[in-house]
Amino acid sequence: EIEKGVQLLENSLPIEKQVAAACEILGLDPLYVANEGVFVVIVDKAIEAEVLALMRKDPKGQHAISVGEVTAEHPGKVVMQSLIGGKRIVSPLIGEQLPRIC
């Protein structure tokens, strides 16, 4: 049984303005659009600052940020808190993911 959940903060997700604008025009949620260059790591809160500092020393990690936390509030779920304080469950993708277009 899963005992923990994940709490994401909507305003902390590193979504570029161009991507956000295109998703808004097309009616897409950027969480479900194919992407490249994203690395997610889960670390103990006690070493979060140290890990971020180390990642930022590398040119590919210079924009490393914390986007959420592991919590006991909603076991087995990923919940995103909106800019105005509301919360929504981030559901697994249903159907096929849109292909990445290069």
N, C-alpha and C. Protein backbone atom coordinates (compact mmCIF):
# COMPACT_ATOMS: atom_id res chain seq x y z
N GLU A 1 0.84 -1.19 0.00
CA GLU A 1 0.00 0.00 0.00
C GLU A 1 0.89 1.25 0.00
N ILE A 2 0.52 2.22 -0.81
CA ILE A 2 1.28 3.47 -0.90
C ILE A 2 0.88 4.38 0.25
N GLU A 3 1.87 4.83 1.00
CA GLU A 3 1.61 5.65 2.18
C GLU A 3 1.83 7.13 1.97
N LYS A 4 2.46 7.50 0.88
CA LYS A 4 2.80 8.91 0.63
C LYS A 4 2.19 9.39 -0.68
N GLY A 5 2.11 10.70 -0.80
CA GLY A 5 1.66 11.33 -2.03
C GLY A 5 2.64 12.44 -2.39
N VAL A 6 2.36 13.14 -3.47
CA VAL A 6 3.22 14.24 -3.91
C VAL A 6 2.37 15.50 -4.04
N GLN A 7 2.89 16.59 -3.50
CA GLN A 7 2.24 17.90 -3.58
C GLN A 7 3.09 18.77 -4.50
N LEU A 8 2.55 19.21 -5.63
CA LEU A 8 3.24 20.10 -6.56
C LEU A 8 2.69 21.52 -6.40
N LEU A 9 3.53 22.50 -6.63
CA LEU A 9 3.10 23.89 -6.62
C LEU A 9 3.08 24.39 -8.05
N GLU A 10 1.90 24.74 -8.56
CA GLU A 10 1.72 25.09 -9.97
C GLU A 10 2.68 26.20 -10.42
N ASN A 11 2.86 27.21 -9.61
CA ASN A 11 3.69 28.33 -10.03
C ASN A 11 5.19 28.01 -9.99
N SER A 12 5.56 26.83 -9.48
CA SER A 12 6.98 26.49 -9.42
C SER A 12 7.43 25.64 -10.61
N LEU A 13 6.51 25.14 -11.40
CA LEU A 13 6.89 24.29 -12.53
C LEU A 13 7.59 25.12 -13.61
N PRO A 14 8.75 24.66 -14.07
CA PRO A 14 9.53 25.43 -15.06
C PRO A 14 9.00 25.26 -16.48
N ILE A 15 7.89 25.91 -16.77
CA ILE A 15 7.30 25.83 -18.10
C ILE A 15 7.61 27.14 -18.82
N GLU A 16 8.31 27.03 -19.95
CA GLU A 16 8.69 28.24 -20.68
C GLU A 16 7.44 28.95 -21.21
N LYS A 17 7.54 30.26 -21.32
CA LYS A 17 6.40 31.09 -21.75
C LYS A 17 5.85 30.65 -23.11
N GLN A 18 6.75 30.31 -24.04
CA GLN A 18 6.32 29.90 -25.37
C GLN A 18 5.51 28.60 -25.30
N VAL A 19 5.95 27.68 -24.45
CA VAL A 19 5.26 26.40 -24.30
C VAL A 19 3.89 26.63 -23.67
N ALA A 20 3.85 27.45 -22.61
CA ALA A 20 2.58 27.75 -21.95
C ALA A 20 1.60 28.40 -22.92
N ALA A 21 2.09 29.33 -23.74
CA ALA A 21 1.24 30.02 -24.71
C ALA A 21 0.71 29.05 -25.76
N ALA A 22 1.58 28.21 -26.30
CA ALA A 22 1.15 27.24 -27.32
C ALA A 22 0.14 26.26 -26.74
N CYS A 23 0.37 25.80 -25.52
CA CYS A 23 -0.57 24.87 -24.89
C CYS A 23 -1.92 25.54 -24.66
N GLU A 24 -1.90 26.79 -24.27
CA GLU A 24 -3.16 27.51 -24.05
C GLU A 24 -3.94 27.65 -25.35
N ILE A 25 -3.25 28.00 -26.43
CA ILE A 25 -3.90 28.16 -27.74
C ILE A 25 -4.51 26.83 -28.20
N LEU A 26 -3.76 25.73 -27.98
CA LEU A 26 -4.19 24.42 -28.46
C LEU A 26 -5.06 23.67 -27.46
N GLY A 27 -5.25 24.23 -26.28
CA GLY A 27 -6.07 23.57 -25.26
C GLY A 27 -5.41 22.35 -24.66
N LEU A 28 -4.09 22.39 -24.54
CA LEU A 28 -3.33 21.27 -23.99
C LEU A 28 -2.83 21.60 -22.58
N ASP A 29 -2.65 20.57 -21.78
CA ASP A 29 -2.05 20.72 -20.46
C ASP A 29 -0.57 20.42 -20.63
N PRO A 30 0.33 21.36 -20.31
CA PRO A 30 1.77 21.12 -20.52
C PRO A 30 2.33 19.92 -19.75
N LEU A 31 1.64 19.46 -18.72
CA LEU A 31 2.10 18.28 -18.00
C LEU A 31 2.02 17.01 -18.84
N TYR A 32 1.19 17.03 -19.88
CA TYR A 32 0.98 15.84 -20.70
C TYR A 32 1.58 15.95 -22.09
N VAL A 33 2.39 16.96 -22.34
CA VAL A 33 3.02 17.15 -23.64
C VAL A 33 4.45 16.60 -23.56
N ALA A 34 4.87 15.87 -24.60
CA ALA A 34 6.22 15.31 -24.62
C ALA A 34 7.25 16.42 -24.44
N ASN A 35 8.31 16.12 -23.72
CA ASN A 35 9.36 17.12 -23.48
C ASN A 35 10.71 16.44 -23.42
N GLU A 36 11.73 17.24 -23.43
CA GLU A 36 13.10 16.74 -23.34
C GLU A 36 13.85 17.54 -22.29
N GLY A 37 14.88 16.94 -21.76
CA GLY A 37 15.77 17.67 -20.87
C GLY A 37 15.23 17.88 -19.48
N VAL A 38 14.26 17.07 -19.06
CA VAL A 38 13.71 17.21 -17.72
C VAL A 38 14.20 16.05 -16.87
N PHE A 39 14.71 16.38 -15.71
CA PHE A 39 15.23 15.40 -14.77
C PHE A 39 14.53 15.61 -13.45
N VAL A 40 13.91 14.57 -12.93
CA VAL A 40 13.22 14.68 -11.66
C VAL A 40 13.94 13.81 -10.65
N VAL A 41 14.22 14.37 -9.50
CA VAL A 41 14.89 13.63 -8.43
C VAL A 41 14.15 13.91 -7.13
N ILE A 42 14.01 12.90 -6.32
CA ILE A 42 13.37 13.05 -5.01
C ILE A 42 14.44 12.84 -3.96
N VAL A 43 14.62 13.85 -3.10
CA VAL A 43 15.63 13.78 -2.05
C VAL A 43 15.00 14.18 -0.71
N ASP A 44 15.66 13.80 0.35
CA ASP A 44 15.23 14.18 1.69
C ASP A 44 15.28 15.69 1.82
N LYS A 45 14.27 16.27 2.44
CA LYS A 45 14.18 17.73 2.62
C LYS A 45 15.44 18.30 3.28
N ALA A 46 16.08 17.50 4.14
CA ALA A 46 17.26 17.96 4.87
C ALA A 46 18.45 18.25 3.95
N ILE A 47 18.49 17.62 2.77
CA ILE A 47 19.62 17.85 1.85
C ILE A 47 19.18 18.53 0.56
N GLU A 48 17.95 19.00 0.51
CA GLU A 48 17.41 19.63 -0.71
C GLU A 48 18.29 20.78 -1.19
N ALA A 49 18.62 21.71 -0.31
CA ALA A 49 19.42 22.88 -0.70
C ALA A 49 20.79 22.47 -1.22
N GLU A 50 21.41 21.51 -0.57
CA GLU A 50 22.73 21.04 -0.99
C GLU A 50 22.67 20.38 -2.37
N VAL A 51 21.64 19.56 -2.62
CA VAL A 51 21.49 18.90 -3.90
C VAL A 51 21.25 19.93 -5.01
N LEU A 52 20.37 20.90 -4.74
CA LEU A 52 20.12 21.95 -5.74
C LEU A 52 21.39 22.73 -6.05
N ALA A 53 22.16 23.06 -5.03
CA ALA A 53 23.41 23.80 -5.24
C ALA A 53 24.37 23.01 -6.11
N LEU A 54 24.49 21.71 -5.86
CA LEU A 54 25.37 20.86 -6.66
C LEU A 54 24.88 20.77 -8.10
N MET A 55 23.58 20.62 -8.29
CA MET A 55 23.04 20.52 -9.64
C MET A 55 23.25 21.82 -10.40
N ARG A 56 23.10 22.95 -9.74
CA ARG A 56 23.25 24.25 -10.39
C ARG A 56 24.68 24.56 -10.80
N LYS A 57 25.65 23.83 -10.27
CA LYS A 57 27.05 24.03 -10.66
C LYS A 57 27.31 23.52 -12.07
N ASP A 58 26.48 22.60 -12.53
CA ASP A 58 26.62 22.06 -13.88
C ASP A 58 25.80 22.93 -14.84
N PRO A 59 26.35 23.28 -16.00
CA PRO A 59 25.59 24.11 -16.95
C PRO A 59 24.21 23.55 -17.30
N LYS A 60 24.08 22.24 -17.37
CA LYS A 60 22.79 21.64 -17.70
C LYS A 60 21.82 21.66 -16.52
N GLY A 61 22.31 21.96 -15.34
CA GLY A 61 21.45 22.00 -14.16
C GLY A 61 21.30 23.38 -13.57
N GLN A 62 21.72 24.40 -14.30
CA GLN A 62 21.73 25.76 -13.76
C GLN A 62 20.34 26.28 -13.39
N HIS A 63 19.29 25.68 -13.96
CA HIS A 63 17.93 26.13 -13.66
C HIS A 63 17.19 25.16 -12.73
N ALA A 64 17.94 24.31 -12.04
CA ALA A 64 17.33 23.32 -11.14
C ALA A 64 16.52 24.02 -10.05
N ILE A 65 15.31 23.50 -9.80
CA ILE A 65 14.44 24.08 -8.78
C ILE A 65 13.67 22.97 -8.07
N SER A 66 13.11 23.32 -6.95
CA SER A 66 12.23 22.42 -6.22
C SER A 66 10.80 22.74 -6.65
N VAL A 67 10.03 21.70 -7.00
CA VAL A 67 8.67 21.93 -7.50
C VAL A 67 7.59 21.34 -6.60
N GLY A 68 7.99 20.69 -5.53
CA GLY A 68 6.98 20.10 -4.66
C GLY A 68 7.61 19.32 -3.54
N GLU A 69 6.77 18.51 -2.91
CA GLU A 69 7.25 17.72 -1.77
C GLU A 69 6.44 16.44 -1.63
N VAL A 70 7.05 15.46 -0.99
CA VAL A 70 6.38 14.22 -0.65
C VAL A 70 5.60 14.49 0.63
N THR A 71 4.36 14.00 0.67
CA THR A 71 3.50 14.28 1.81
C THR A 71 2.67 13.06 2.17
N ALA A 72 2.18 13.04 3.38
CA ALA A 72 1.28 11.96 3.83
C ALA A 72 -0.18 12.36 3.64
N GLU A 73 -0.44 13.59 3.18
CA GLU A 73 -1.79 14.12 3.07
C GLU A 73 -2.70 13.34 2.12
N HIS A 74 -2.19 12.89 1.00
CA HIS A 74 -3.01 12.23 -0.01
C HIS A 74 -2.26 11.03 -0.57
N PRO A 75 -2.23 9.92 0.16
CA PRO A 75 -1.46 8.74 -0.23
C PRO A 75 -1.78 8.25 -1.65
N GLY A 76 -0.71 7.98 -2.41
CA GLY A 76 -0.86 7.42 -3.75
C GLY A 76 -1.31 8.39 -4.82
N LYS A 77 -1.36 9.67 -4.51
CA LYS A 77 -1.83 10.65 -5.48
C LYS A 77 -0.81 11.78 -5.65
N VAL A 78 -0.85 12.40 -6.82
CA VAL A 78 -0.10 13.62 -7.08
C VAL A 78 -1.14 14.74 -7.12
N VAL A 79 -0.95 15.74 -6.27
CA VAL A 79 -1.90 16.85 -6.17
C VAL A 79 -1.16 18.14 -6.46
N MET A 80 -1.76 18.98 -7.30
CA MET A 80 -1.16 20.26 -7.62
C MET A 80 -1.95 21.38 -6.97
N GLN A 81 -1.23 22.25 -6.28
CA GLN A 81 -1.87 23.42 -5.68
C GLN A 81 -1.77 24.57 -6.66
N SER A 82 -2.90 25.20 -6.95
CA SER A 82 -2.94 26.28 -7.94
C SER A 82 -2.45 27.59 -7.33
N LEU A 83 -2.30 28.57 -8.19
CA LEU A 83 -1.86 29.89 -7.76
C LEU A 83 -2.82 30.53 -6.76
N ILE A 84 -4.10 30.18 -6.84
CA ILE A 84 -5.08 30.80 -5.95
C ILE A 84 -5.43 29.90 -4.75
N GLY A 85 -4.68 28.80 -4.59
CA GLY A 85 -4.85 27.95 -3.41
C GLY A 85 -5.70 26.72 -3.60
N GLY A 86 -6.35 26.58 -4.75
CA GLY A 86 -7.13 25.37 -5.01
C GLY A 86 -6.21 24.19 -5.27
N LYS A 87 -6.75 22.99 -5.17
CA LYS A 87 -5.96 21.79 -5.42
C LYS A 87 -6.67 20.91 -6.43
N ARG A 88 -5.87 20.22 -7.26
CA ARG A 88 -6.42 19.27 -8.21
C ARG A 88 -5.53 18.05 -8.28
N ILE A 89 -6.14 16.91 -8.50
CA ILE A 89 -5.38 15.67 -8.65
C ILE A 89 -4.82 15.64 -10.06
N VAL A 90 -3.54 15.35 -10.17
CA VAL A 90 -2.89 15.19 -11.48
C VAL A 90 -3.06 13.72 -11.85
N SER A 91 -3.97 13.47 -12.78
CA SER A 91 -4.30 12.11 -13.19
C SER A 91 -3.27 11.57 -14.16
N PRO A 92 -3.10 10.26 -14.19
CA PRO A 92 -2.24 9.68 -15.21
C PRO A 92 -2.82 9.99 -16.59
N LEU A 93 -1.97 10.06 -17.59
CA LEU A 93 -2.39 10.35 -18.95
C LEU A 93 -3.31 9.24 -19.46
N ILE A 94 -4.44 9.63 -20.01
CA ILE A 94 -5.38 8.67 -20.60
C ILE A 94 -5.20 8.73 -22.11
N GLY A 95 -5.01 7.59 -22.72
CA GLY A 95 -4.82 7.55 -24.16
C GLY A 95 -3.36 7.73 -24.53
N GLU A 96 -3.13 8.15 -25.76
CA GLU A 96 -1.78 8.30 -26.28
C GLU A 96 -1.23 9.70 -26.02
N GLN A 97 0.05 9.75 -25.72
CA GLN A 97 0.71 11.04 -25.56
C GLN A 97 0.93 11.65 -26.94
N LEU A 98 0.77 12.97 -27.03
CA LEU A 98 1.04 13.64 -28.31
C LEU A 98 2.50 13.48 -28.66
N PRO A 99 2.81 13.22 -29.92
CA PRO A 99 4.22 13.06 -30.32
C PRO A 99 4.95 14.40 -30.25
N ARG A 100 6.23 14.29 -29.99
CA ARG A 100 7.08 15.48 -29.99
C ARG A 100 7.34 15.84 -31.44
N ILE A 101 7.20 17.10 -31.77
CA ILE A 101 7.41 17.57 -33.15
C ILE A 101 8.67 18.41 -33.19
N CYS A 102 9.63 18.00 -34.00
CA CYS A 102 10.90 18.74 -34.11
C CYS A 102 10.98 19.39 -35.46
